[in-house]
PDB file of N, CA and C in Angstrom:
ATOM      1  N   ARG A   1     -75.183 131.396-155.724  1.00  0.00           N
ATOM      2  CA  ARG A   1     -74.540 132.700-156.046  1.00  0.00           C
ATOM      3  C   ARG A   1     -73.234 132.475-157.504  1.00  0.00           C
ATOM      4  N   CYS A   2     -74.533 133.228-158.720  1.00  0.00           N
ATOM      5  CA  CYS A   2     -73.517 132.009-160.041  1.00  0.00           C
ATOM      6  C   CYS A   2     -72.204 132.712-159.685  1.00  0.00           C
ATOM      7  N   LEU A   3     -71.256 132.265-159.847  1.00  0.00           N
ATOM      8  CA  LEU A   3     -69.308 132.383-160.197  1.00  0.00           C
ATOM      9  C   LEU A   3     -69.680 133.475-161.469  1.00  0.00           C
ATOM     10  N   PHE A   4     -70.414 132.835-162.468  1.00  0.00           N
ATOM     11  CA  PHE A   4     -69.681 132.994-163.855  1.00  0.00           C
ATOM     12  C   PHE A   4     -71.022 132.681-165.044  1.00  0.00           C
ATOM     13  N   TYR A   5     -71.299 133.061-165.890  1.00  0.00           N
ATOM     14  CA  TYR A   5     -72.648 132.655-166.869  1.00  0.00           C
ATOM     15  C   TYR A   5     -72.510 133.074-167.680  1.00  0.00           C
ATOM     16  N   HIS A   6     -72.554 132.545-169.021  1.00  0.00           N
ATOM     17  CA  HIS A   6     -72.443 133.242-170.333  1.00  0.00           C
ATOM     18  C   HIS A   6     -72.475 132.163-171.452  1.00  0.00           C
ATOM     19  N   HIS A   7     -73.353 132.421-171.985  1.00  0.00           N
ATOM     20  CA  HIS A   7     -74.235 131.744-173.085  1.00  0.00           C
ATOM     21  C   HIS A   7     -73.830 131.960-174.748  1.00  0.00           C
ATOM     22  N   TRP A   8     -73.247 131.338-175.753  1.00  0.00           N
ATOM     23  CA  TRP A   8     -72.689 131.077-176.673  1.00  0.00           C
ATOM     24  C   TRP A   8     -73.225 131.105-178.101  1.00  0.00           C
ATOM     25  N   ASN A   9     -73.892 130.200-178.340  1.00  0.00           N
ATOM     26  CA  ASN A   9     -75.397 130.601-179.336  1.00  0.00           C
ATOM     27  C   ASN A   9     -76.195 129.613-179.059  1.00  0.00           C
ATOM     28  N   ARG A  10     -77.294 130.993-178.447  1.00  0.00           N
ATOM     29  CA  ARG A  10     -78.558 131.033-178.071  1.00  0.00           C
ATOM     30  C   ARG A  10     -79.745 131.533-178.788  1.00  0.00           C
ATOM     31  N   PRO A  11     -80.251 130.125-179.275  1.00  0.00           N
ATOM     32  CA  PRO A  11     -80.770 131.181-181.056  1.00  0.00           C
ATOM     33  C   PRO A  11     -82.255 131.684-180.171  1.00  0.00           C
ATOM     34  N   ARG A  12     -82.681 131.538-179.268  1.00  0.00           N
ATOM     35  CA  ARG A  12     -83.801 132.277-178.383  1.00  0.00           C
ATOM     36  C   ARG A  12     -83.376 132.715-177.151  1.00  0.00           C
ATOM     37  N   TYR A  13     -84.283 134.279-176.839  1.00  0.00           N
ATOM     38  CA  TYR A  13     -83.827 134.931-175.595  1.00  0.00           C
ATOM     39  C   TYR A  13     -85.136 134.964-174.679  1.00  0.00           C
ATOM     40  N   THR A  14     -85.762 133.992-174.096  1.00  0.00           N
ATOM     41  CA  THR A  14     -87.139 134.042-173.466  1.00  0.00           C
ATOM     42  C   THR A  14     -86.527 135.079-171.735  1.00  0.00           C
ATOM     43  N   LEU A  15     -85.904 135.401-171.425  1.00  0.00           N
ATOM     44  CA  LEU A  15     -85.362 136.127-170.540  1.00  0.00           C
ATOM     45  C   LEU A  15     -84.223 136.724-170.101  1.00  0.00           C
ATOM     46  N   SER A  16     -84.489 137.373-171.142  1.00  0.00           N
ATOM     47  CA  SER A  16     -83.471 138.185-171.909  1.00  0.00           C
ATOM     48  C   SER A  16     -83.685 139.984-170.836  1.00  0.00           C
ATOM     49  N   ASP A  17     -84.368 139.773-170.602  1.00  0.00           N
ATOM     50  CA  ASP A  17     -84.877 141.686-170.187  1.00  0.00           C
ATOM     51  C   ASP A  17     -84.893 141.205-168.177  1.00  0.00           C
ATOM     52  N   LEU A  18     -84.567 140.023-167.900  1.00  0.00           N
ATOM     53  CA  LEU A  18     -84.556 139.935-166.088  1.00  0.00           C
ATOM     54  C   LEU A  18     -83.214 139.071-166.197  1.00  0.00           C
ATOM     55  N   PRO A  19     -81.912 140.218-166.138  1.00  0.00           N
ATOM     56  CA  PRO A  19     -80.872 139.336-165.532  1.00  0.00           C
ATOM     57  C   PRO A  19     -81.413 138.536-164.379  1.00  0.00           C
ATOM     58  N   GLY A  20     -80.415 137.334-163.925  1.00  0.00           N
ATOM     59  CA  GLY A  20     -80.373 136.647-163.180  1.00  0.00           C
ATOM     60  C   GLY A  20     -81.656 135.577-163.276  1.00  0.00           C
ATOM     61  N   GLU A  21     -82.335 135.690-164.226  1.00  0.00           N
ATOM     62  CA  GLU A  21     -83.177 135.054-164.418  1.00  0.00           C
ATOM     63  C   GLU A  21     -83.276 133.394-164.642  1.00  0.00           C
ATOM     64  N   ASP A  22     -82.595 133.254-165.141  1.00  0.00           N
ATOM     65  CA  ASP A  22     -81.589 131.565-165.733  1.00  0.00           C
ATOM     66  C   ASP A  22     -81.143 130.920-164.700  1.00  0.00           C
ATOM     67  N   GLN A  23     -80.192 132.437-163.718  1.00  0.00           N
ATOM     68  CA  GLN A  23     -79.932 131.385-163.154  1.00  0.00           C
ATOM     69  C   GLN A  23     -80.170 131.060-162.198  1.00  0.00           C
ATOM     70  N   LYS A  24     -81.829 131.646-161.918  1.00  0.00           N
ATOM     71  CA  LYS A  24     -82.770 131.563-160.721  1.00  0.00           C
ATOM     72  C   LYS A  24     -83.241 129.827-161.099  1.00  0.00           C
ATOM     73  N   LEU A  25     -83.188 129.892-162.465  1.00  0.00           N
ATOM     74  CA  LEU A  25     -84.535 128.771-163.191  1.00  0.00           C
ATOM     75  C   LEU A  25     -83.159 127.857-163.202  1.00  0.00           C
ATOM     76  N   MET A  26     -82.978 127.768-162.901  1.00  0.00           N
ATOM     77  CA  MET A  26     -81.423 127.146-163.585  1.00  0.00           C
ATOM     78  C   MET A  26     -80.808 126.031-162.483  1.00  0.00           C
ATOM     79  N   PHE A  27     -81.346 127.110-160.939  1.00  0.00           N
ATOM     80  CA  PHE A  27     -80.895 125.703-160.048  1.00  0.00           C
ATOM     81  C   PHE A  27     -82.116 125.818-159.167  1.00  0.00           C
ATOM     82  N   GLY A  28     -83.757 126.319-159.363  1.00  0.00           N
ATOM     83  CA  GLY A  28     -84.547 125.518-159.330  1.00  0.00           C
ATOM     84  C   GLY A  28     -85.278 124.194-159.601  1.00  0.00           C
ATOM     85  N   ALA A  29     -84.368 124.122-160.906  1.00  0.00           N
ATOM     86  CA  ALA A  29     -84.616 123.056-161.555  1.00  0.00           C
ATOM     87  C   ALA A  29     -83.726 121.518-161.286  1.00  0.00           C
ATOM     88  N   LEU A  30     -82.922 122.101-160.673  1.00  0.00           N
ATOM     89  CA  LEU A  30     -82.040 121.077-160.434  1.00  0.00           C
ATOM     90  C   LEU A  30     -81.697 120.629-159.045  1.00  0.00           C
ATOM     91  N   LEU A  31     -81.791 122.636-157.845  1.00  0.00           N
ATOM     92  CA  LEU A  31     -82.657 121.288-156.663  1.00  0.00           C
ATOM     93  C   LEU A  31     -84.397 120.698-156.813  1.00  0.00           C
ATOM     94  N   ALA A  32     -85.150 120.618-157.902  1.00  0.00           N
ATOM     95  CA  ALA A  32     -86.236 119.371-158.099  1.00  0.00           C
ATOM     96  C   ALA A  32     -86.080 118.550-158.762  1.00  0.00           C
ATOM     97  N   LEU A  33     -85.064 118.420-159.647  1.00  0.00           N
ATOM     98  CA  LEU A  33     -84.339 116.879-159.768  1.00  0.00           C
ATOM     99  C   LEU A  33     -83.477 115.844-158.630  1.00  0.00           C
ATOM    100  N   LYS A  34     -82.580 116.680-158.205  1.00  0.00           N
ATOM    101  CA  LYS A  34     -82.438 116.557-156.783  1.00  0.00           C
ATOM    102  C   LYS A  34     -82.943 115.864-155.915  1.00  0.00           C
ATOM    103  N   ASP A  35     -84.076 116.333-155.813  1.00  0.00           N
ATOM    104  CA  ASP A  35     -85.168 115.586-154.509  1.00  0.00           C
ATOM    105  C   ASP A  35     -85.823 114.709-155.021  1.00  0.00           C
ATOM    106  N   LEU A  36     -85.766 114.743-156.837  1.00  0.00           N
ATOM    107  CA  LEU A  36     -86.592 113.910-157.125  1.00  0.00           C
ATOM    108  C   LEU A  36     -85.718 112.531-157.176  1.00  0.00           C
ATOM    109  N   ALA A  37     -84.462 112.547-157.635  1.00  0.00           N
ATOM    110  CA  ALA A  37     -83.194 112.341-157.196  1.00  0.00           C
ATOM    111  C   ALA A  37     -83.307 111.184-155.702  1.00  0.00           C
ATOM    112  N   LYS A  38     -83.207 111.697-155.604  1.00  0.00           N
ATOM    113  CA  LYS A  38     -83.340 110.368-154.108  1.00  0.00           C
ATOM    114  C   LYS A  38     -84.605 110.406-153.550  1.00  0.00           C
ATOM    115  N   SER A  39     -85.532 110.914-154.020  1.00  0.00           N
ATOM    116  CA  SER A  39     -86.763 109.880-153.384  1.00  0.00           C
ATOM    117  C   SER A  39     -87.243 108.763-154.430  1.00  0.00           C
ATOM    118  N   LEU A  40     -86.194 108.498-155.384  1.00  0.00           N
ATOM    119  CA  LEU A  40     -86.681 107.046-155.893  1.00  0.00           C
ATOM    120  C   LEU A  40     -85.619 106.550-156.450  1.00  0.00           C
ATOM    121  N   SER A  41     -84.166 107.180-155.303  1.00  0.00           N
ATOM    122  CA  SER A  41     -83.512 106.304-154.952  1.00  0.00           C
ATOM    123  C   SER A  41     -83.770 105.401-154.369  1.00  0.00           C
ATOM    124  N   THR A  42     -82.764 104.372-154.911  1.00  0.00           N
ATOM    125  CA  THR A  42     -82.939 103.083-153.710  1.00  0.00           C
ATOM    126  C   THR A  42     -82.064 103.085-152.453  1.00  0.00           C
ATOM    127  N   GLU A  43     -80.841 103.874-152.687  1.00  0.00           N
ATOM    128  CA  GLU A  43     -79.693 103.543-151.541  1.00  0.00           C
ATOM    129  C   GLU A  43     -79.864 105.449-150.621  1.00  0.00           C
ATOM    130  N   PRO A  44     -80.906 105.746-149.968  1.00  0.00           N
ATOM    131  CA  PRO A  44     -81.631 106.476-149.510  1.00  0.00           C
ATOM    132  C   PRO A  44     -79.984 107.720-148.705  1.00  0.00           C
ATOM    133  N   ASP A  45     -79.395 107.315-148.493  1.00  0.00           N
ATOM    134  CA  ASP A  45     -78.048 107.879-147.519  1.00  0.00           C
ATOM    135  C   ASP A  45     -77.240 108.017-148.653  1.00  0.00           C
ATOM    136  N   LYS A  46     -77.327 107.607-149.823  1.00  0.00           N
ATOM    137  CA  LYS A  46     -76.423 107.576-151.106  1.00  0.00           C
ATOM    138  C   LYS A  46     -76.630 108.971-151.511  1.00  0.00           C
ATOM    139  N   GLU A  47     -75.651 110.236-151.930  1.00  0.00           N
ATOM    140  CA  GLU A  47     -75.697 111.463-151.948  1.00  0.00           C
ATOM    141  C   GLU A  47     -75.616 111.997-153.673  1.00  0.00           C
ATOM    142  N   ASP A  48     -76.207 110.608-154.593  1.00  0.00           N
ATOM    143  CA  ASP A  48     -75.329 110.974-154.987  1.00  0.00           C
ATOM    144  C   ASP A  48     -76.317 112.573-156.559  1.00  0.00           C
ATOM    145  N   GLY A  49     -77.526 112.591-156.458  1.00  0.00           N
ATOM    146  CA  GLY A  49     -78.164 113.423-157.838  1.00  0.00           C
ATOM    147  C   GLY A  49     -78.128 113.080-158.872  1.00  0.00           C
ATOM    148  N   VAL A  50     -77.885 114.374-159.336  1.00  0.00           N
ATOM    149  CA  VAL A  50     -78.302 113.711-161.021  1.00  0.00           C
ATOM    150  C   VAL A  50     -76.849 114.770-161.502  1.00  0.00           C
ATOM    151  N   SER A  51     -76.361 114.251-162.480  1.00  0.00           N
ATOM    152  CA  SER A  51     -75.190 113.955-163.259  1.00  0.00           C
ATOM    153  C   SER A  51     -75.813 114.259-165.056  1.00  0.00           C
ATOM    154  N   GLU A  52     -76.459 114.354-165.152  1.00  0.00           N
ATOM    155  CA  GLU A  52     -76.912 115.259-166.700  1.00  0.00           C
ATOM    156  C   GLU A  52     -78.643 114.292-166.780  1.00  0.00           C
ATOM    157  N   PHE A  53     -79.169 115.710-167.767  1.00  0.00           N
ATOM    158  CA  PHE A  53     -80.936 115.261-167.881  1.00  0.00           C
ATOM    159  C   PHE A  53     -80.720 115.919-169.476  1.00  0.00           C
ATOM    160  N   THR A  54     -81.459 115.746-170.018  1.00  0.00           N
ATOM    161  CA  THR A  54     -81.904 115.408-171.458  1.00  0.00           C
ATOM    162  C   THR A  54     -82.887 116.108-171.814  1.00  0.00           C
ATOM    163  N   ALA A  55     -83.403 117.495-172.273  1.00  0.00           N
ATOM    164  CA  ALA A  55     -84.996 117.350-172.909  1.00  0.00           C
ATOM    165  C   ALA A  55     -84.692 117.792-173.943  1.00  0.00           C
ATOM    166  N   ASP A  56     -85.637 117.950-175.100  1.00  0.00           N
ATOM    167  CA  ASP A  56     -86.079 117.994-176.647  1.00  0.00           C
ATOM    168  C   ASP A  56     -84.759 118.530-177.308  1.00  0.00           C
ATOM    169  N   TYR A  57     -84.010 119.377-176.746  1.00  0.00           N
ATOM    170  CA  TYR A  57     -83.356 120.105-177.807  1.00  0.00           C
ATOM    171  C   TYR A  57     -82.025 120.964-176.958  1.00  0.00           C
ATOM    172  N   TYR A  58     -82.203 120.806-174.992  1.00  0.00           N
ATOM    173  CA  TYR A  58     -80.466 120.524-174.328  1.00  0.00           C
ATOM    174  C   TYR A  58     -80.212 119.255-174.348  1.00  0.00           C
ATOM    175  N   THR A  59     -78.868 119.410-173.096  1.00  0.00           N
ATOM    176  CA  THR A  59     -78.407 118.409-172.642  1.00  0.00           C
ATOM    177  C   THR A  59     -78.523 119.556-171.348  1.00  0.00           C
ATOM    178  N   LEU A  60     -78.546 119.357-169.587  1.00  0.00           N
ATOM    179  CA  LEU A  60     -78.218 119.922-168.833  1.00  0.00           C
ATOM    180  C   LEU A  60     -76.702 119.095-168.086  1.00  0.00           C
ATOM    181  N   HIS A  61     -74.948 119.152-168.164  1.00  0.00           N
ATOM    182  CA  HIS A  61     -74.346 118.065-167.528  1.00  0.00           C
ATOM    183  C   HIS A  61     -74.377 119.388-166.301  1.00  0.00           C
ATOM    184  N   HIS A  62     -73.901 118.236-165.316  1.00  0.00           N
ATOM    185  CA  HIS A  62     -74.237 118.725-163.992  1.00  0.00           C
ATOM    186  C   HIS A  62     -73.193 118.115-162.695  1.00  0.00           C
ATOM    187  N   LEU A  63     -72.106 118.855-161.808  1.00  0.00           N
ATOM    188  CA  LEU A  63     -71.457 118.207-160.948  1.00  0.00           C
ATOM    189  C   LEU A  63     -71.435 119.095-160.333  1.00  0.00           C
ATOM    190  N   GLU A  64     -71.698 118.350-158.657  1.00  0.00           N
ATOM    191  CA  GLU A  64     -71.815 119.053-157.777  1.00  0.00           C
ATOM    192  C   GLU A  64     -70.984 118.571-156.479  1.00  0.00           C
ATOM    193  N   THR A  65     -70.112 119.495-156.168  1.00  0.00           N
ATOM    194  CA  THR A  65     -69.036 118.961-154.974  1.00  0.00           C
ATOM    195  C   THR A  65     -69.254 118.867-153.978  1.00  0.00           C
ATOM    196  N   ARG A  66     -68.531 118.211-153.891  1.00  0.00           N
ATOM    197  CA  ARG A  66     -69.280 117.772-151.064  1.00  0.00           C
ATOM    198  C   ARG A  66     -68.846 119.076-150.480  1.00  0.00           C
ATOM    199  N   THR A  67     -68.695 120.086-151.202  1.00  0.00           N
ATOM    200  CA  THR A  67     -69.380 121.477-150.175  1.00  0.00           C
ATOM    201  C   THR A  67     -69.894 121.934-150.365  1.00  0.00           C
ATOM    202  N   GLY A  68     -70.871 121.781-152.197  1.00  0.00           N
ATOM    203  CA  GLY A  68     -71.846 122.456-152.510  1.00  0.00           C
ATOM    204  C   GLY A  68     -71.772 123.105-153.264  1.00  0.00           C
ATOM    205  N   LEU A  69     -70.666 122.686-154.361  1.00  0.00           N
ATOM    206  CA  LEU A  69     -71.008 124.007-155.093  1.00  0.00           C
ATOM    207  C   LEU A  69     -70.781 123.193-156.506  1.00  0.00           C
ATOM    208  N   HIS A  70     -72.266 123.861-157.470  1.00  0.00           N
ATOM    209  CA  HIS A  70     -72.918 123.691-158.614  1.00  0.00           C
ATOM    210  C   HIS A  70     -72.060 124.084-159.700  1.00  0.00           C
ATOM    211  N   PHE A  71     -71.677 122.876-160.413  1.00  0.00           N
ATOM    212  CA  PHE A  71     -70.638 123.855-161.818  1.00  0.00           C
ATOM    213  C   PHE A  71     -72.086 122.749-163.103  1.00  0.00           C
ATOM    214  N   VAL A  72     -72.907 123.855-164.414  1.00  0.00           N
ATOM    215  CA  VAL A  72     -72.870 123.609-164.757  1.00  0.00           C
ATOM    216  C   VAL A  72     -72.665 123.337-166.628  1.00  0.00           C
ATOM    217  N   ILE A  73     -73.117 123.016-167.160  1.00  0.00           N
ATOM    218  CA  ILE A  73     -72.374 122.883-169.044  1.00  0.00           C
ATOM    219  C   ILE A  73     -74.536 123.252-168.894  1.00  0.00           C
ATOM    220  N   THR A  74     -74.503 123.489-170.527  1.00  0.00           N
ATOM    221  CA  THR A  74     -75.666 123.019-170.617  1.00  0.00           C
ATOM    222  C   THR A  74     -75.528 123.200-171.970  1.00  0.00           C
ATOM    223  N   SER A  75     -75.519 121.862-173.217  1.00  0.00           N
ATOM    224  CA  SER A  75     -75.417 121.435-175.004  1.00  0.00           C
ATOM    225  C   SER A  75     -76.607 121.153-175.357  1.00  0.00           C
ATOM    226  N   ASP A  76     -76.165 121.312-176.618  1.00  0.00           N
ATOM    227  CA  ASP A  76     -77.399 120.842-177.749  1.00  0.00           C
ATOM    228  C   ASP A  76     -77.342 119.555-177.509  1.00  0.00           C
ATOM    229  N   GLY A  77     -78.622 118.764-177.891  1.00  0.00           N
ATOM    230  CA  GLY A  77     -77.850 116.655-176.810  1.00  0.00           C
ATOM    231  C   GLY A  77     -77.588 116.117-177.983  1.00  0.00           C
ATOM    232  N   SER A  78     -76.584 116.808-179.509  1.00  0.00           N
ATOM    233  CA  SER A  78     -75.323 115.660-179.963  1.00  0.00           C
ATOM    234  C   SER A  78     -74.290 115.544-178.813  1.00  0.00           C
ATOM    235  N   HIS A  79     -74.382 115.901-177.563  1.00  0.00           N
ATOM    236  CA  HIS A  79     -73.409 115.849-176.935  1.00  0.00           C
ATOM    237  C   HIS A  79     -72.677 114.604-176.271  1.00  0.00           C
ATOM    238  N   ASP A  80     -71.730 113.878-175.601  1.00  0.00           N
ATOM    239  CA  ASP A  80     -72.326 112.818-174.940  1.00  0.00           C
ATOM    240  C   ASP A  80     -71.595 114.108-173.071  1.00  0.00           C
ATOM    241  N   THR A  81     -71.478 113.275-172.139  1.00  0.00           N
ATOM    242  CA  THR A  81     -71.626 113.738-170.435  1.00  0.00           C
ATOM    243  C   THR A  81     -70.300 114.306-171.500  1.00  0.00           C
ATOM    244  N   MET A  82     -70.128 114.962-170.400  1.00  0.00           N
ATOM    245  CA  MET A  82     -69.518 116.580-170.373  1.00  0.00           C
ATOM    246  C   MET A  82     -69.100 116.816-168.700  1.00  0.00           C
ATOM    247  N   ARG A  83     -69.187 114.999-167.833  1.00  0.00           N
ATOM    248  CA  ARG A  83     -68.126 115.390-166.462  1.00  0.00           C
ATOM    249  C   ARG A  83     -67.040 115.138-166.560  1.00  0.00           C
ATOM    250  N   ARG A  84     -65.927 115.023-166.844  1.00  0.00           N
ATOM    251  CA  ARG A  84     -64.712 115.186-167.234  1.00  0.00           C
ATOM    252  C   ARG A  84     -64.069 116.622-167.543  1.00  0.00           C
ATOM    253  N   LEU A  85     -65.002 116.923-168.784  1.00  0.00           N
ATOM    254  CA  LEU A  85     -64.807 118.489-168.396  1.00  0.00           C
ATOM    255  C   LEU A  85     -65.177 119.702-166.989  1.00  0.00           C
ATOM    256  N   LEU A  86     -66.227 119.064-166.659  1.00  0.00           N
ATOM    257  CA  LEU A  86     -66.815 119.649-165.588  1.00  0.00           C
ATOM    258  C   LEU A  86     -65.792 119.131-164.731  1.00  0.00           C
ATOM    259  N   LEU A  87     -65.592 118.089-164.208  1.00  0.00           N
ATOM    260  CA  LEU A  87     -64.114 117.565-162.319  1.00  0.00           C
ATOM    261  C   LEU A  87     -62.793 118.583-163.646  1.00  0.00           C
ATOM    262  N   ALA A  88     -62.988 118.547-165.013  1.00  0.00           N
ATOM    263  CA  ALA A  88     -60.968 119.483-165.298  1.00  0.00           C
ATOM    264  C   ALA A  88     -61.243 120.794-164.684  1.00  0.00           C
ATOM    265  N   VAL A  89     -63.098 121.003-165.222  1.00  0.00           N
ATOM    266  CA  VAL A  89     -63.234 122.732-164.545  1.00  0.00           C
ATOM    267  C   VAL A  89     -62.682 123.254-163.259  1.00  0.00           C
ATOM    268  N   TYR A  90     -63.595 122.151-162.497  1.00  0.00           N
ATOM    269  CA  TYR A  90     -63.453 122.058-161.188  1.00  0.00           C
ATOM    270  C   TYR A  90     -61.497 121.943-160.637  1.00  0.00           C
ATOM    271  N   ALA A  91     -61.208 120.696-161.425  1.00  0.00           N
ATOM    272  CA  ALA A  91     -59.838 120.992-160.323  1.00  0.00           C
ATOM    273  C   ALA A  91     -58.788 121.599-161.189  1.00  0.00           C
ATOM    274  N   GLN A  92     -58.802 121.842-162.123  1.00  0.00           N
ATOM    275  CA  GLN A  92     -57.595 122.799-162.805  1.00  0.00           C
ATOM    276  C   GLN A  92     -57.935 124.633-162.304  1.00  0.00           C
ATOM    277  N   ALA A  93     -59.168 124.661-162.691  1.00  0.00           N
ATOM    278  CA  ALA A  93     -59.053 126.498-162.897  1.00  0.00           C
ATOM    279  C   ALA A  93     -60.057 126.684-160.967  1.00  0.00           C
ATOM    280  N   PHE A  94     -61.348 126.063-161.017  1.00  0.00           N
ATOM    281  CA  PHE A  94     -60.952 126.771-159.891  1.00  0.00           C
ATOM    282  C   PHE A  94     -60.910 126.661-158.657  1.00  0.00           C
ATOM    283  N   THR A  95     -59.707 125.642-158.155  1.00  0.00           N
ATOM    284  CA  THR A  95     -59.172 125.158-157.381  1.00  0.00           C
ATOM    285  C   THR A  95     -58.098 126.178-156.440  1.00  0.00           C
ATOM    286  N   PRO A  96     -57.455 126.227-158.111  1.00  0.00           N
ATOM    287  CA  PRO A  96     -55.811 126.421-158.209  1.00  0.00           C
ATOM    288  C   PRO A  96     -56.174 128.344-157.623  1.00  0.00           C
ATOM    289  N   TYR A  97     -57.537 128.778-158.704  1.00  0.00           N
ATOM    290  CA  TYR A  97     -57.794 130.376-158.752  1.00  0.00           C
ATOM    291  C   TYR A  97     -58.231 130.946-157.746  1.00  0.00           C
ATOM    292  N   CYS A  98     -59.322 130.316-157.166  1.00  0.00           N
ATOM    293  CA  CYS A  98     -60.607 130.981-156.720  1.00  0.00           C
ATOM    294  C   CYS A  98     -60.124 129.875-155.252  1.00  0.00           C
ATOM    295  N   THR A  99     -59.965 128.984-154.026  1.00  0.00           N
ATOM    296  CA  THR A  99     -59.876 128.400-152.971  1.00  0.00           C
ATOM    297  C   THR A  99     -58.526 128.252-153.324  1.00  0.00           C
ATOM    298  N   ARG A 100     -57.715 128.795-153.520  1.00  0.00           N
ATOM    299  CA  ARG A 100     -55.982 128.610-152.786  1.00  0.00           C
ATOM    300  C   ARG A 100     -56.303 130.237-152.970  1.00  0.00           C
ATOM    301  N   ASN A 101     -57.125 131.709-153.685  1.00  0.00           N
ATOM    302  CA  ASN A 101     -56.589 132.973-153.489  1.00  0.00           C
ATOM    303  C   ASN A 101     -56.924 133.624-152.193  1.00  0.00           C
ATOM    304  N   PRO A 102     -56.061 134.233-151.235  1.00  0.00           N
ATOM    305  CA  PRO A 102     -56.310 134.804-150.278  1.00  0.00           C
ATOM    306  C   PRO A 102     -56.994 135.537-150.361  1.00  0.00           C
ATOM    307  N   CYS A 103     -58.585 136.012-151.374  1.00  0.00           N
ATOM    308  CA  CYS A 103     -59.160 136.707-151.104  1.00  0.00           C
ATOM    309  C   CYS A 103     -60.635 136.524-151.346  1.00  0.00           C
ATOM    310  N   TYR A 104     -59.937 134.934-151.628  1.00  0.00           N
ATOM    311  CA  TYR A 104     -61.688 134.015-151.562  1.00  0.00           C
ATOM    312  C   TYR A 104     -62.218 134.252-150.132  1.00  0.00           C
ATOM    313  N   LYS A 105     -63.798 133.997-150.479  1.00  0.00           N
ATOM    314  CA  LYS A 105     -64.936 134.184-148.980  1.00  0.00           C
ATOM    315  C   LYS A 105     -65.658 133.333-149.550  1.00  0.00           C
ATOM    316  N   PRO A 106     -66.250 132.154-149.025  1.00  0.00           N
ATOM    317  CA  PRO A 106     -67.317 130.811-149.820  1.00  0.00           C
ATOM    318  C   PRO A 106     -68.562 131.311-149.271  1.00  0.00           C
TER     319      PRO A 106
END
């Protein structure tokens, strides 16, 4: 389930007619990359997964929490790692406003 999705500067809308399709494709790609990273890992018990993936025109930054939540930001390839930003979103926005909310149901 995607809690928030927004794109600011996207010159090409390939799936704009299908709402929610971007999220499905992104999650499928992350799952495939995570499985690939786990199978290639020299430490099979370690569950780090994928934190960054760079393609020709974008970079996907990913943070998976211990509870299985995924935080993803895509940017153009010129940005450095955004792990600190994703950790800040989780620690300073999601945790206080979502998990501490009495109406929140995981």
